[in-house]
Amino acid sequence: MTLALGAINWIVGRDFLFFARLFKIVTSYVADSSHLKPWWNPWQSGWYWKARYLGPLAAGLVIAVAAQASILKPRGPLSPREQHILVFATAYTFSSLLWLMWQTLGHTALDWDYFAYPLVYPLTAAVAAAADRWLKFPPGEGPGVLWRILIVGLFLAPLYFFNTSFVLSAFALHGSFLPALAMIGIALACLILFGKHYLGGLVFVGLMSLGLVLGLSGAGGVTRDSCPSARLAADAIDQAHRLLRMQGYSYSRIFIWADQDETVPAGTGCAVSSANIRLGHFSSALVATGFQYVQPAWEAAQQDQLKESRLAELSAVGGLIVYVTNEEARVQQLMERFLASGGSLKVKGREVVTSRSLRVPMNLLEIKNKTQGE
């Protein structure tokens, strides 16, 4: 599969090792957590008290440990079913401890919801293992299947409608994870005490769903929002990519840059006036479509942090720089820096990609060395 994907990338003009840049980013962050210092929060800062999404994850750890303890109590050999329950519960316990370790070592493993998100998969398996440990289903193939479908539906519904404006979010104590943790803890207690009764299983899943709503409601406003900024930005990125591919340069000679402090309004259709799109994030997403960085954001957040050696390297290579900015002064400053590094930039044009009311400016600058400039 990797060879096939590499071949497809090579055919359309991209690098065969399409994952090399991503692999380099991951390894550099893992090897040196100082890259993450601007975004990392230490435990003593108390950031986790308002991380609502940690509620279901923390409760899942309690559920997994309880399932393990019930299986491992001294008795005879484990049945195949019990072995499966133990594997799933242990997998989530291990994953949770791994994430806790990474967070403690200085990585943003838990204090940003999208980095904690991968734990949802082993969490689901751990909850299923606990349900299989204590829950009794109605006899008969038909009723048993319907009961399982109902339980799975109730469990998954909050994951689909996680941006609900349901009134339960009012009980979330300003984003605290404690309500979700408490609700799912009660669900676990009901499962252990009453799971052998059919209605007990329904109560368990109902409380689990309630806990997930408390943990996930308003978790980022990604799905149902009057300001679909991510959708607008994705459309603008697609337009920008197509436009840049028409400039006559290969992927390896188109270099993207934006300062991390500049933003553009997400659009007049947004209910929140402060909804902005950071151009630094936009430029990184544009690089992800196959282009190159002038210099990665983790090495230089602002233009004055660009290394002279990198500018000299680009001057020797040549190509096209795409400066995503609204400010002419920033473009002029970059041109002056290139001139000092032994090359020059020639303005090729300015393009503005639009998606409804979102407008993203792109300044196209041709790189020329001293010989070409003369």
Protein backbone atom coordinates (compact mmCIF):
# COMPACT_ATOMS: atom_id res chain seq x y z
CA MET A 1 0.00 0.00 0.00
CA THR A 2 2.81 2.43 0.88
CA LEU A 3 4.57 1.66 -2.40
CA ALA A 4 1.34 2.25 -4.34
CA LEU A 5 0.69 5.58 -2.61
CA GLY A 6 4.31 6.59 -3.18
CA ALA A 7 4.00 5.76 -6.88
CA ILE A 8 0.81 7.82 -7.20
CA ASN A 9 2.52 10.80 -5.54
CA TRP A 10 5.53 10.45 -7.86
CA ILE A 11 3.30 10.30 -10.97
CA VAL A 12 1.61 13.63 -10.12
CA GLY A 13 4.93 15.34 -9.42
CA ARG A 14 5.28 14.95 -5.67
CA ASP A 15 7.91 13.14 -3.63
CA PHE A 16 7.79 9.33 -3.64
CA LEU A 17 8.41 9.33 0.12
CA PHE A 18 5.28 11.38 0.72
CA PHE A 19 5.37 10.71 4.45
CA ALA A 20 8.98 11.80 4.95
CA ARG A 21 8.14 15.37 5.99
CA LEU A 22 5.47 14.23 8.44
CA PHE A 23 7.82 11.58 9.84
CA LYS A 24 10.51 14.23 10.32
CA ILE A 25 8.06 16.50 12.17
CA VAL A 26 6.89 13.70 14.46
CA THR A 27 10.41 12.50 15.29
CA SER A 28 11.67 16.03 15.92
CA TYR A 29 8.82 16.71 18.36
CA VAL A 30 9.30 13.39 20.13
CA ALA A 31 13.06 13.81 20.38
CA ASP A 32 12.89 17.40 21.64
CA SER A 33 9.75 18.44 23.51
CA SER A 34 11.04 22.04 23.69
CA HIS A 35 9.36 22.54 20.29
CA LEU A 36 6.05 22.19 22.13
CA LYS A 37 6.84 24.59 24.96
CA PRO A 38 4.62 27.43 23.62
CA TRP A 39 1.57 25.14 23.72
CA TRP A 40 2.33 22.84 26.66
CA ASN A 41 0.82 23.38 30.12
CA PRO A 42 2.35 21.81 33.25
CA TRP A 43 0.17 19.88 35.69
CA GLN A 44 0.64 22.49 38.41
CA SER A 45 -1.12 25.10 36.27
CA GLY A 46 -4.41 23.25 36.85
CA TRP A 47 -5.37 23.35 33.15
CA TYR A 48 -7.14 19.97 33.44
CA TRP A 49 -9.90 21.30 35.69
CA LYS A 50 -11.48 23.04 32.71
CA ALA A 51 -10.68 20.35 30.14
CA ARG A 52 -14.21 18.95 29.86
CA TYR A 53 -13.19 16.29 27.34
CA LEU A 54 -11.05 14.58 30.01
CA GLY A 55 -14.18 13.46 31.88
CA PRO A 56 -15.05 10.45 29.68
CA LEU A 57 -11.35 9.57 29.30
CA ALA A 58 -10.76 9.57 33.06
CA ALA A 59 -13.96 7.62 33.69
CA GLY A 60 -12.88 5.11 31.07
CA LEU A 61 -9.71 4.45 33.04
CA VAL A 62 -11.83 3.69 36.12
CA ILE A 63 -14.01 1.35 34.05
CA ALA A 64 -10.99 -0.44 32.56
CA VAL A 65 -9.32 -0.94 35.94
CA ALA A 66 -12.58 -2.23 37.45
CA ALA A 67 -12.96 -4.74 34.63
CA GLN A 68 -9.37 -5.89 35.08
CA ALA A 69 -9.78 -6.26 38.83
CA SER A 70 -12.94 -8.34 38.44
CA ILE A 71 -11.24 -10.67 35.96
CA LEU A 72 -7.94 -11.05 37.82
CA LYS A 73 -9.34 -11.87 41.25
CA PRO A 74 -7.94 -15.22 42.47
CA ARG A 75 -9.77 -18.16 40.90
CA GLY A 76 -9.42 -20.69 38.07
CA PRO A 77 -8.07 -20.21 34.54
CA LEU A 78 -9.65 -17.52 32.37
CA SER A 79 -12.13 -18.41 29.65
CA PRO A 80 -11.56 -17.08 26.09
CA ARG A 81 -14.29 -14.48 26.69
CA GLU A 82 -12.62 -13.28 29.88
CA GLN A 83 -9.27 -13.13 28.11
CA HIS A 84 -10.76 -10.84 25.47
CA ILE A 85 -12.27 -8.59 28.14
CA LEU A 86 -8.90 -8.42 29.89
CA VAL A 87 -7.06 -7.53 26.66
CA PHE A 88 -9.38 -4.62 25.84
CA ALA A 89 -9.41 -3.28 29.39
CA THR A 90 -5.62 -3.55 29.65
CA ALA A 91 -5.17 -1.85 26.27
CA TYR A 92 -7.02 1.25 27.45
CA THR A 93 -5.20 1.28 30.79
CA PHE A 94 -1.86 1.11 28.96
CA SER A 95 -2.90 3.82 26.46
CA SER A 96 -4.07 6.15 29.25
CA LEU A 97 -0.84 5.72 31.20
CA LEU A 98 1.17 6.31 28.02
CA TRP A 99 -0.67 9.59 27.36
CA LEU A 100 -0.17 10.64 30.99
CA MET A 101 3.54 9.91 30.68
CA TRP A 102 3.87 11.94 27.48
CA GLN A 103 2.04 14.87 29.05
CA THR A 104 4.28 14.76 32.12
CA LEU A 105 7.42 14.68 29.93
CA GLY A 106 6.44 17.91 28.20
CA HIS A 107 4.36 16.77 25.24
CA THR A 108 0.88 18.10 24.46
CA ALA A 109 -0.68 14.67 24.78
CA LEU A 110 -3.74 15.62 26.84
CA ASP A 111 -4.01 19.40 27.16
CA TRP A 112 -5.27 19.78 23.59
CA ASP A 113 -8.41 17.81 22.82
CA TYR A 114 -7.34 16.73 19.33
CA PHE A 115 -4.17 15.13 20.72
CA ALA A 116 -6.22 13.26 23.32
CA TYR A 117 -8.77 12.19 20.71
CA PRO A 118 -7.03 8.89 19.71
CA LEU A 119 -7.89 7.56 23.18
CA VAL A 120 -11.55 7.44 22.10
CA TYR A 121 -10.89 4.20 20.19
CA PRO A 122 -9.48 2.11 23.06
CA LEU A 123 -12.01 3.84 25.35
CA THR A 124 -14.87 2.45 23.26
CA ALA A 125 -13.32 -1.03 23.43
CA ALA A 126 -12.89 -0.76 27.21
CA VAL A 127 -16.55 0.24 27.70
CA ALA A 128 -17.62 -2.66 25.47
CA ALA A 129 -15.46 -5.03 27.50
CA ALA A 130 -16.99 -3.80 30.76
CA ALA A 131 -20.48 -4.15 29.35
CA ASP A 132 -19.72 -7.71 28.29
CA ARG A 133 -18.31 -8.42 31.75
CA TRP A 134 -21.42 -7.46 33.71
CA LEU A 135 -24.29 -6.92 31.30
CA LYS A 136 -26.92 -9.58 30.65
CA PHE A 137 -28.78 -9.56 27.33
CA PRO A 138 -32.29 -10.92 26.66
CA PRO A 139 -32.40 -14.57 25.58
CA GLY A 140 -33.04 -15.41 21.96
CA GLU A 141 -31.21 -14.28 18.85
CA GLY A 142 -33.75 -11.62 17.77
CA PRO A 143 -34.23 -9.76 21.07
CA GLY A 144 -30.53 -10.06 21.86
CA VAL A 145 -29.50 -8.45 18.57
CA LEU A 146 -32.06 -5.63 18.93
CA TRP A 147 -30.90 -4.99 22.49
CA ARG A 148 -27.28 -4.74 21.35
CA ILE A 149 -28.20 -2.35 18.51
CA LEU A 150 -30.09 -0.15 20.97
CA ILE A 151 -27.17 -0.05 23.38
CA VAL A 152 -24.63 0.73 20.65
CA GLY A 153 -26.89 3.49 19.27
CA LEU A 154 -27.28 5.14 22.67
CA PHE A 155 -23.54 5.01 23.22
CA LEU A 156 -22.58 6.42 19.83
CA ALA A 157 -25.24 9.15 19.60
CA PRO A 158 -23.35 11.70 21.75
CA LEU A 159 -20.19 11.10 19.70
CA TYR A 160 -22.12 12.12 16.57
CA PHE A 161 -24.04 15.02 18.06
CA PHE A 162 -21.16 16.17 20.28
CA ASN A 163 -21.63 19.85 19.44
CA THR A 164 -25.18 19.79 20.69
CA SER A 165 -26.65 22.86 22.35
CA PHE A 166 -28.60 20.51 24.60
CA VAL A 167 -29.51 22.01 27.97
CA LEU A 168 -27.27 19.52 29.77
CA SER A 169 -24.27 21.67 28.86
CA ALA A 170 -25.53 24.15 31.46
CA PHE A 171 -24.52 21.66 34.15
CA ALA A 172 -20.95 21.36 32.88
CA LEU A 173 -19.56 23.74 35.53
CA HIS A 174 -17.84 26.04 33.04
CA GLY A 175 -16.03 23.26 31.27
CA SER A 176 -15.02 21.11 34.25
CA PHE A 177 -14.46 17.41 33.56
CA LEU A 178 -15.94 16.42 36.94
CA PRO A 179 -19.65 16.12 35.90
CA ALA A 180 -18.82 13.70 33.10
CA LEU A 181 -16.51 11.71 35.38
CA ALA A 182 -19.17 11.50 38.10
CA MET A 183 -21.97 10.56 35.68
CA ILE A 184 -19.99 7.79 34.02
CA GLY A 185 -18.84 6.59 37.45
CA ILE A 186 -22.49 6.25 38.47
CA ALA A 187 -23.12 4.39 35.22
CA LEU A 188 -20.35 1.93 36.10
CA ALA A 189 -21.80 1.36 39.56
CA CYS A 190 -25.23 0.67 38.04
CA LEU A 191 -23.64 -1.75 35.58
CA ILE A 192 -21.93 -3.74 38.33
CA LEU A 193 -24.93 -3.75 40.66
CA PHE A 194 -27.84 -4.10 38.22
CA GLY A 195 -26.28 -5.30 34.94
CA LYS A 196 -27.78 -8.76 35.28
CA HIS A 197 -31.21 -7.16 34.84
CA TYR A 198 -32.15 -5.98 31.34
CA LEU A 199 -33.31 -2.57 32.50
CA GLY A 200 -30.05 -2.20 34.41
CA GLY A 201 -28.20 -2.37 31.12
CA LEU A 202 -30.44 0.34 29.68
CA VAL A 203 -29.77 2.55 32.72
CA PHE A 204 -26.03 1.97 32.33
CA VAL A 205 -25.96 3.02 28.67
CA GLY A 206 -28.30 5.95 29.30
CA LEU A 207 -26.03 7.32 32.03
CA MET A 208 -22.99 6.66 29.83
CA SER A 209 -24.58 8.71 27.05
CA LEU A 210 -25.38 11.47 29.53
CA GLY A 211 -21.77 11.46 30.71
CA LEU A 212 -20.50 11.69 27.15
CA VAL A 213 -22.79 14.64 26.45
CA LEU A 214 -21.44 16.39 29.54
CA GLY A 215 -17.90 15.63 28.43
CA LEU A 216 -18.22 16.49 24.77
CA SER A 217 -20.88 19.21 24.49
CA GLY A 218 -19.34 22.33 23.03
CA ALA A 219 -15.99 20.58 22.61
CA GLY A 220 -14.79 22.90 19.89
CA GLY A 221 -17.73 23.81 17.72
CA VAL A 222 -16.61 21.69 14.80
CA THR A 223 -19.78 20.20 13.40
CA ARG A 224 -22.97 22.17 13.86
CA ASP A 225 -22.06 25.84 13.91
CA SER A 226 -23.36 29.05 12.40
CA CYS A 227 -19.72 29.81 11.55
CA PRO A 228 -18.34 26.81 9.61
CA SER A 229 -14.85 28.31 9.46
CA ALA A 230 -13.11 24.97 8.95
CA ARG A 231 -15.30 24.23 5.94
CA LEU A 232 -14.66 27.68 4.46
CA ALA A 233 -10.91 27.36 5.03
CA ALA A 234 -10.84 23.90 3.43
CA ASP A 235 -12.55 25.27 0.33
CA ALA A 236 -10.08 28.19 0.21
CA ILE A 237 -7.13 25.79 0.57
CA ASP A 238 -8.41 23.73 -2.35
CA GLN A 239 -8.72 26.86 -4.50
CA ALA A 240 -5.26 28.07 -3.47
CA HIS A 241 -3.71 24.71 -4.28
CA ARG A 242 -5.22 24.66 -7.77
CA LEU A 243 -4.15 28.24 -8.41
CA LEU A 244 -0.54 27.61 -7.36
CA ARG A 245 -0.29 24.47 -9.51
CA MET A 246 -1.00 26.70 -12.51
CA GLN A 247 2.05 28.91 -11.87
CA GLY A 248 4.48 26.67 -13.75
CA TYR A 249 6.56 25.43 -10.80
CA SER A 250 6.93 21.93 -9.39
CA TYR A 251 5.75 21.13 -5.88
CA SER A 252 9.33 21.16 -4.63
CA ARG A 253 9.89 24.77 -5.79
CA ILE A 254 6.81 26.43 -4.33
CA PHE A 255 7.49 27.73 -0.81
CA ILE A 256 4.71 28.89 1.53
CA TRP A 257 5.05 31.46 4.29
CA ALA A 258 2.77 33.33 6.72
CA ASP A 259 3.46 35.03 10.04
CA GLN A 260 1.79 33.29 12.95
CA ASP A 261 0.35 36.49 14.41
CA GLU A 262 -1.78 37.50 11.41
CA THR A 263 -5.43 36.54 11.04
CA VAL A 264 -8.34 37.19 8.68
CA PRO A 265 -12.05 37.24 9.60
CA ALA A 266 -13.78 33.92 9.09
CA GLY A 267 -16.65 35.72 7.41
CA THR A 268 -19.77 37.80 7.97
CA GLY A 269 -21.86 34.65 8.30
CA CYS A 270 -20.29 33.96 11.70
CA ALA A 271 -22.37 34.49 14.81
CA VAL A 272 -19.22 35.38 16.77
CA SER A 273 -17.47 38.55 15.62
CA SER A 274 -14.10 37.35 16.96
CA ALA A 275 -14.08 34.21 14.77
CA ASN A 276 -10.83 34.47 12.81
CA ILE A 277 -8.65 32.16 10.77
CA ARG A 278 -4.95 32.29 11.55
CA LEU A 279 -2.95 32.64 8.35
CA GLY A 280 -0.10 30.62 9.85
CA HIS A 281 -2.45 27.66 10.22
CA PHE A 282 -3.77 28.22 6.70
CA SER A 283 -0.25 28.21 5.25
CA SER A 284 0.64 24.99 7.12
CA ALA A 285 -2.46 23.32 5.72
CA LEU A 286 -1.47 24.51 2.25
CA VAL A 287 1.99 22.97 2.71
CA ALA A 288 0.27 19.71 3.65
CA THR A 289 -1.17 19.54 0.12
CA GLY A 290 2.35 19.00 -1.26
CA PHE A 291 4.18 22.32 -1.26
CA GLN A 292 7.23 23.34 0.80
CA TYR A 293 7.82 25.58 3.82
CA VAL A 294 9.94 28.68 3.54
CA GLN A 295 10.78 27.58 7.07
CA PRO A 296 8.63 25.46 9.43
CA ALA A 297 6.54 27.32 12.00
CA TRP A 298 8.19 25.48 14.88
CA GLU A 299 11.52 26.97 13.78
CA ALA A 300 10.31 30.48 12.90
CA ALA A 301 6.97 31.97 13.94
CA GLN A 302 7.61 35.45 12.54
CA GLN A 303 9.43 36.70 9.48
CA ASP A 304 12.28 38.25 11.49
CA GLN A 305 13.03 34.74 12.85
CA LEU A 306 13.76 33.32 9.38
CA LYS A 307 17.37 32.16 9.20
CA GLU A 308 19.70 34.00 6.84
CA SER A 309 21.15 30.66 5.78
CA ARG A 310 17.67 29.47 4.74
CA LEU A 311 17.07 32.62 2.67
CA ALA A 312 20.44 32.16 0.98
CA GLU A 313 19.56 28.52 0.26
CA LEU A 314 16.27 29.54 -1.35
CA SER A 315 18.04 32.23 -3.37
CA ALA A 316 20.33 29.55 -4.80
CA VAL A 317 17.51 27.09 -5.51
CA GLY A 318 15.01 29.53 -7.01
CA GLY A 319 11.30 29.03 -7.29
CA LEU A 320 8.16 30.77 -6.09
CA ILE A 321 7.43 32.13 -2.61
CA VAL A 322 3.79 32.48 -1.64
CA TYR A 323 3.49 35.01 1.17
CA VAL A 324 0.03 34.71 2.72
CA THR A 325 -0.50 38.20 4.13
CA ASN A 326 -2.69 41.27 3.85
CA GLU A 327 0.10 43.69 4.67
CA GLU A 328 2.33 45.13 1.95
CA ALA A 329 4.92 46.13 4.56
CA ARG A 330 5.56 42.48 5.41
CA VAL A 331 6.12 41.66 1.74
CA GLN A 332 8.53 44.57 1.37
CA GLN A 333 10.47 43.51 4.44
CA LEU A 334 10.88 39.97 3.08
CA MET A 335 12.11 41.34 -0.26
CA GLU A 336 14.72 43.41 1.55
CA ARG A 337 15.90 40.41 3.55
CA PHE A 338 16.31 38.33 0.39
CA LEU A 339 18.31 41.13 -1.20
CA ALA A 340 20.64 41.14 1.80
CA SER A 341 21.06 37.35 1.57
CA GLY A 342 22.35 37.46 -2.00
CA GLY A 343 19.16 37.03 -3.96
CA SER A 344 16.06 38.99 -4.79
CA LEU A 345 12.32 38.62 -5.08
CA LYS A 346 10.24 39.81 -8.00
CA VAL A 347 6.54 40.41 -7.52
CA LYS A 348 4.70 38.10 -9.90
CA GLY A 349 1.22 39.00 -8.72
CA ARG A 350 -1.29 39.00 -5.92
CA GLU A 351 -4.21 36.59 -5.73
CA VAL A 352 -7.11 36.47 -3.30
CA VAL A 353 -8.93 33.17 -2.84
CA THR A 354 -12.46 33.46 -1.55
CA SER A 355 -14.94 31.09 0.03
CA ARG A 356 -18.20 32.92 0.61
CA SER A 357 -17.13 35.88 2.76
CA LEU A 358 -13.70 34.45 3.66
CA ARG A 359 -10.88 36.16 1.77
CA VAL A 360 -7.29 34.86 1.92
CA PRO A 361 -4.59 37.00 0.22
CA MET A 362 -1.57 35.40 -1.45
CA ASN A 363 1.44 37.39 -2.71
CA LEU A 364 3.36 35.51 -5.42
CA LEU A 365 7.09 36.32 -5.39
CA GLU A 366 9.60 34.84 -7.84
CA ILE A 367 13.01 34.01 -6.34
CA LYS A 368 15.99 35.26 -8.35
CA ASN A 369 19.66 35.01 -7.48
CA LYS A 370 22.19 37.79 -8.14
CA THR A 371 23.07 36.51 -11.60
CA GLN A 372 19.42 36.33 -12.63
CA GLY A 373 18.74 39.74 -11.07
CA GLU A 374 21.47 41.35 -13.12
